[in-house]
Amino acid sequence: MYQIKETIINTEFKGLTPVKLASKDACETILISLEKGHDFPEHTSPRDATLVVLEGDIKFMINEKTYLLLKHQVFNFPANIKHWVHANENSKFLIIR
């Protein structure tokens, strides 16, 4: 029933790699592994979301502004607003929505 998983540490950097860690009716958690120099293309989130940087250094672009997000930082953003991400170095982050 209970299980410890090593998904985050074992996810390799190969371009953009999304991995759904958990999903319930009202919430899902997605691990994003983004290789240095790669982009998570422009898209929107269907719900308000929280981004948690686990490792690395990313640029998060939303509403014509750029935010530099570093390891262990948290960033909240609203649903239905176009945004995209660029990895300045190999990075892993969680999207909780």
C-alpha atoms as a PDB file:
ATOM      1  CA  MET A   1       0.000   0.000   0.000  1.00  0.00           C
ATOM      2  CA  TYR A   2       2.715   2.503   0.966  1.00  0.00           C
ATOM      3  CA  GLN A   3       5.648   2.913  -1.364  1.00  0.00           C
ATOM      4  CA  ILE A   4       8.739   5.102  -1.492  1.00  0.00           C
ATOM      5  CA  LYS A   5       9.662   6.079  -5.038  1.00  0.00           C
ATOM      6  CA  GLU A   6      12.886   7.549  -6.438  1.00  0.00           C
ATOM      7  CA  THR A   7      11.146   9.163  -9.452  1.00  0.00           C
ATOM      8  CA  ILE A   8      12.561  12.663  -9.005  1.00  0.00           C
ATOM      9  CA  ILE A   9      16.203  11.687  -8.642  1.00  0.00           C
ATOM     10  CA  ASN A  10      15.955   9.001 -11.365  1.00  0.00           C
ATOM     11  CA  THR A  11      14.346  11.194 -14.030  1.00  0.00           C
ATOM     12  CA  GLU A  12      17.029  11.978 -16.609  1.00  0.00           C
ATOM     13  CA  PHE A  13      17.562  15.228 -18.457  1.00  0.00           C
ATOM     14  CA  LYS A  14      16.420  14.562 -22.036  1.00  0.00           C
ATOM     15  CA  GLY A  15      14.948  17.750 -23.479  1.00  0.00           C
ATOM     16  CA  LEU A  16      11.557  18.230 -21.833  1.00  0.00           C
ATOM     17  CA  THR A  17      10.337  15.285 -19.740  1.00  0.00           C
ATOM     18  CA  PRO A  18       7.010  15.598 -17.872  1.00  0.00           C
ATOM     19  CA  VAL A  19       6.118  12.873 -15.333  1.00  0.00           C
ATOM     20  CA  LYS A  20       2.771  12.860 -13.503  1.00  0.00           C
ATOM     21  CA  LEU A  21       3.561  12.032  -9.870  1.00  0.00           C
ATOM     22  CA  ALA A  22       0.014  12.137  -8.507  1.00  0.00           C
ATOM     23  CA  SER A  23      -3.483  12.962  -9.654  1.00  0.00           C
ATOM     24  CA  LYS A  24      -6.753  13.339  -7.792  1.00  0.00           C
ATOM     25  CA  ASP A  25     -10.013  14.964  -8.849  1.00  0.00           C
ATOM     26  CA  ALA A  26      -9.063  18.363  -7.463  1.00  0.00           C
ATOM     27  CA  CYS A  27      -5.266  18.307  -7.778  1.00  0.00           C
ATOM     28  CA  GLU A  28      -2.381  16.895  -9.791  1.00  0.00           C
ATOM     29  CA  THR A  29       1.372  17.028  -9.288  1.00  0.00           C
ATOM     30  CA  ILE A  30       3.656  16.929 -12.330  1.00  0.00           C
ATOM     31  CA  LEU A  31       7.441  16.625 -12.315  1.00  0.00           C
ATOM     32  CA  ILE A  32       9.095  18.513 -15.176  1.00  0.00           C
ATOM     33  CA  SER A  33      12.680  17.682 -16.115  1.00  0.00           C
ATOM     34  CA  LEU A  34      14.061  20.296 -18.496  1.00  0.00           C
ATOM     35  CA  GLU A  35      17.502  19.963 -20.038  1.00  0.00           C
ATOM     36  CA  LYS A  36      19.789  23.014 -20.167  1.00  0.00           C
ATOM     37  CA  GLY A  37      18.935  25.220 -23.162  1.00  0.00           C
ATOM     38  CA  HIS A  38      15.523  23.604 -23.767  1.00  0.00           C
ATOM     39  CA  ASP A  39      12.098  25.241 -23.513  1.00  0.00           C
ATOM     40  CA  PHE A  40       8.735  24.142 -22.199  1.00  0.00           C
ATOM     41  CA  PRO A  41       6.764  25.805 -25.048  1.00  0.00           C
ATOM     42  CA  GLU A  42       4.059  28.409 -24.515  1.00  0.00           C
ATOM     43  CA  HIS A  43       0.899  26.940 -22.981  1.00  0.00           C
ATOM     44  CA  THR A  44      -1.733  27.619 -20.314  1.00  0.00           C
ATOM     45  CA  SER A  45      -2.692  25.815 -17.130  1.00  0.00           C
ATOM     46  CA  PRO A  46      -6.326  24.759 -16.697  1.00  0.00           C
ATOM     47  CA  ARG A  47      -6.119  25.669 -12.976  1.00  0.00           C
ATOM     48  CA  ASP A  48      -4.189  28.048 -10.736  1.00  0.00           C
ATOM     49  CA  ALA A  49      -0.779  26.469 -10.176  1.00  0.00           C
ATOM     50  CA  THR A  50       2.271  26.446  -7.957  1.00  0.00           C
ATOM     51  CA  LEU A  51       5.733  25.831  -9.407  1.00  0.00           C
ATOM     52  CA  VAL A  52       8.401  24.492  -7.014  1.00  0.00           C
ATOM     53  CA  VAL A  53      12.003  24.440  -8.269  1.00  0.00           C
ATOM     54  CA  LEU A  54      13.743  21.292  -7.025  1.00  0.00           C
ATOM     55  CA  GLU A  55      17.048  21.872  -8.781  1.00  0.00           C
ATOM     56  CA  GLY A  56      18.486  24.118 -11.442  1.00  0.00           C
ATOM     57  CA  ASP A  57      17.833  27.589 -12.775  1.00  0.00           C
ATOM     58  CA  ILE A  58      14.879  28.508 -15.018  1.00  0.00           C
ATOM     59  CA  LYS A  59      13.343  31.562 -16.644  1.00  0.00           C
ATOM     60  CA  PHE A  60       9.548  31.691 -16.334  1.00  0.00           C
ATOM     61  CA  MET A  61       7.850  34.070 -18.772  1.00  0.00           C
ATOM     62  CA  ILE A  62       4.281  35.260 -18.148  1.00  0.00           C
ATOM     63  CA  ASN A  63       2.424  38.502 -18.994  1.00  0.00           C
ATOM     64  CA  GLU A  64       5.471  39.841 -20.870  1.00  0.00           C
ATOM     65  CA  LYS A  65       7.617  39.579 -17.708  1.00  0.00           C
ATOM     66  CA  THR A  66      10.508  37.218 -17.013  1.00  0.00           C
ATOM     67  CA  TYR A  67      11.137  35.713 -13.584  1.00  0.00           C
ATOM     68  CA  LEU A  68      14.409  33.978 -12.703  1.00  0.00           C
ATOM     69  CA  LEU A  69      13.611  31.017 -10.468  1.00  0.00           C
ATOM     70  CA  LEU A  70      16.292  29.114  -8.588  1.00  0.00           C
ATOM     71  CA  LYS A  71      16.519  25.899  -6.587  1.00  0.00           C
ATOM     72  CA  HIS A  72      14.017  25.739  -3.700  1.00  0.00           C
ATOM     73  CA  GLN A  73      12.012  28.774  -4.835  1.00  0.00           C
ATOM     74  CA  VAL A  74       8.222  28.709  -5.212  1.00  0.00           C
ATOM     75  CA  PHE A  75       6.180  30.643  -7.787  1.00  0.00           C
ATOM     76  CA  ASN A  76       2.366  30.841  -7.996  1.00  0.00           C
ATOM     77  CA  PHE A  77       0.512  31.718 -11.198  1.00  0.00           C
ATOM     78  CA  PRO A  78      -3.130  31.854 -12.344  1.00  0.00           C
ATOM     79  CA  ALA A  79      -5.040  29.606 -14.730  1.00  0.00           C
ATOM     80  CA  ASN A  80      -5.535  30.377 -18.405  1.00  0.00           C
ATOM     81  CA  ILE A  81      -2.589  32.789 -18.782  1.00  0.00           C
ATOM     82  CA  LYS A  82      -0.049  31.946 -21.498  1.00  0.00           C
ATOM     83  CA  HIS A  83       3.413  31.234 -20.138  1.00  0.00           C
ATOM     84  CA  TRP A  84       6.590  29.331 -21.032  1.00  0.00           C
ATOM     85  CA  VAL A  85       9.796  28.163 -19.370  1.00  0.00           C
ATOM     86  CA  HIS A  86      13.461  28.102 -20.420  1.00  0.00           C
ATOM     87  CA  ALA A  87      16.153  26.064 -18.610  1.00  0.00           C
ATOM     88  CA  ASN A  88      19.362  28.008 -17.985  1.00  0.00           C
ATOM     89  CA  GLU A  89      20.811  24.751 -16.625  1.00  0.00           C
ATOM     90  CA  ASN A  90      19.509  21.209 -16.143  1.00  0.00           C
ATOM     91  CA  SER A  91      16.422  21.765 -13.995  1.00  0.00           C
ATOM     92  CA  LYS A  92      13.644  19.844 -12.289  1.00  0.00           C
ATOM     93  CA  PHE A  93      10.496  21.437 -10.939  1.00  0.00           C
ATOM     94  CA  LEU A  94       7.054  20.455  -9.734  1.00  0.00           C
ATOM     95  CA  ILE A  95       3.793  21.859 -11.029  1.00  0.00           C
ATOM     96  CA  ILE A  96       1.014  21.477  -8.481  1.00  0.00           C
ATOM     97  CA  ARG A  97      -2.417  22.352  -9.824  1.00  0.00           C
END
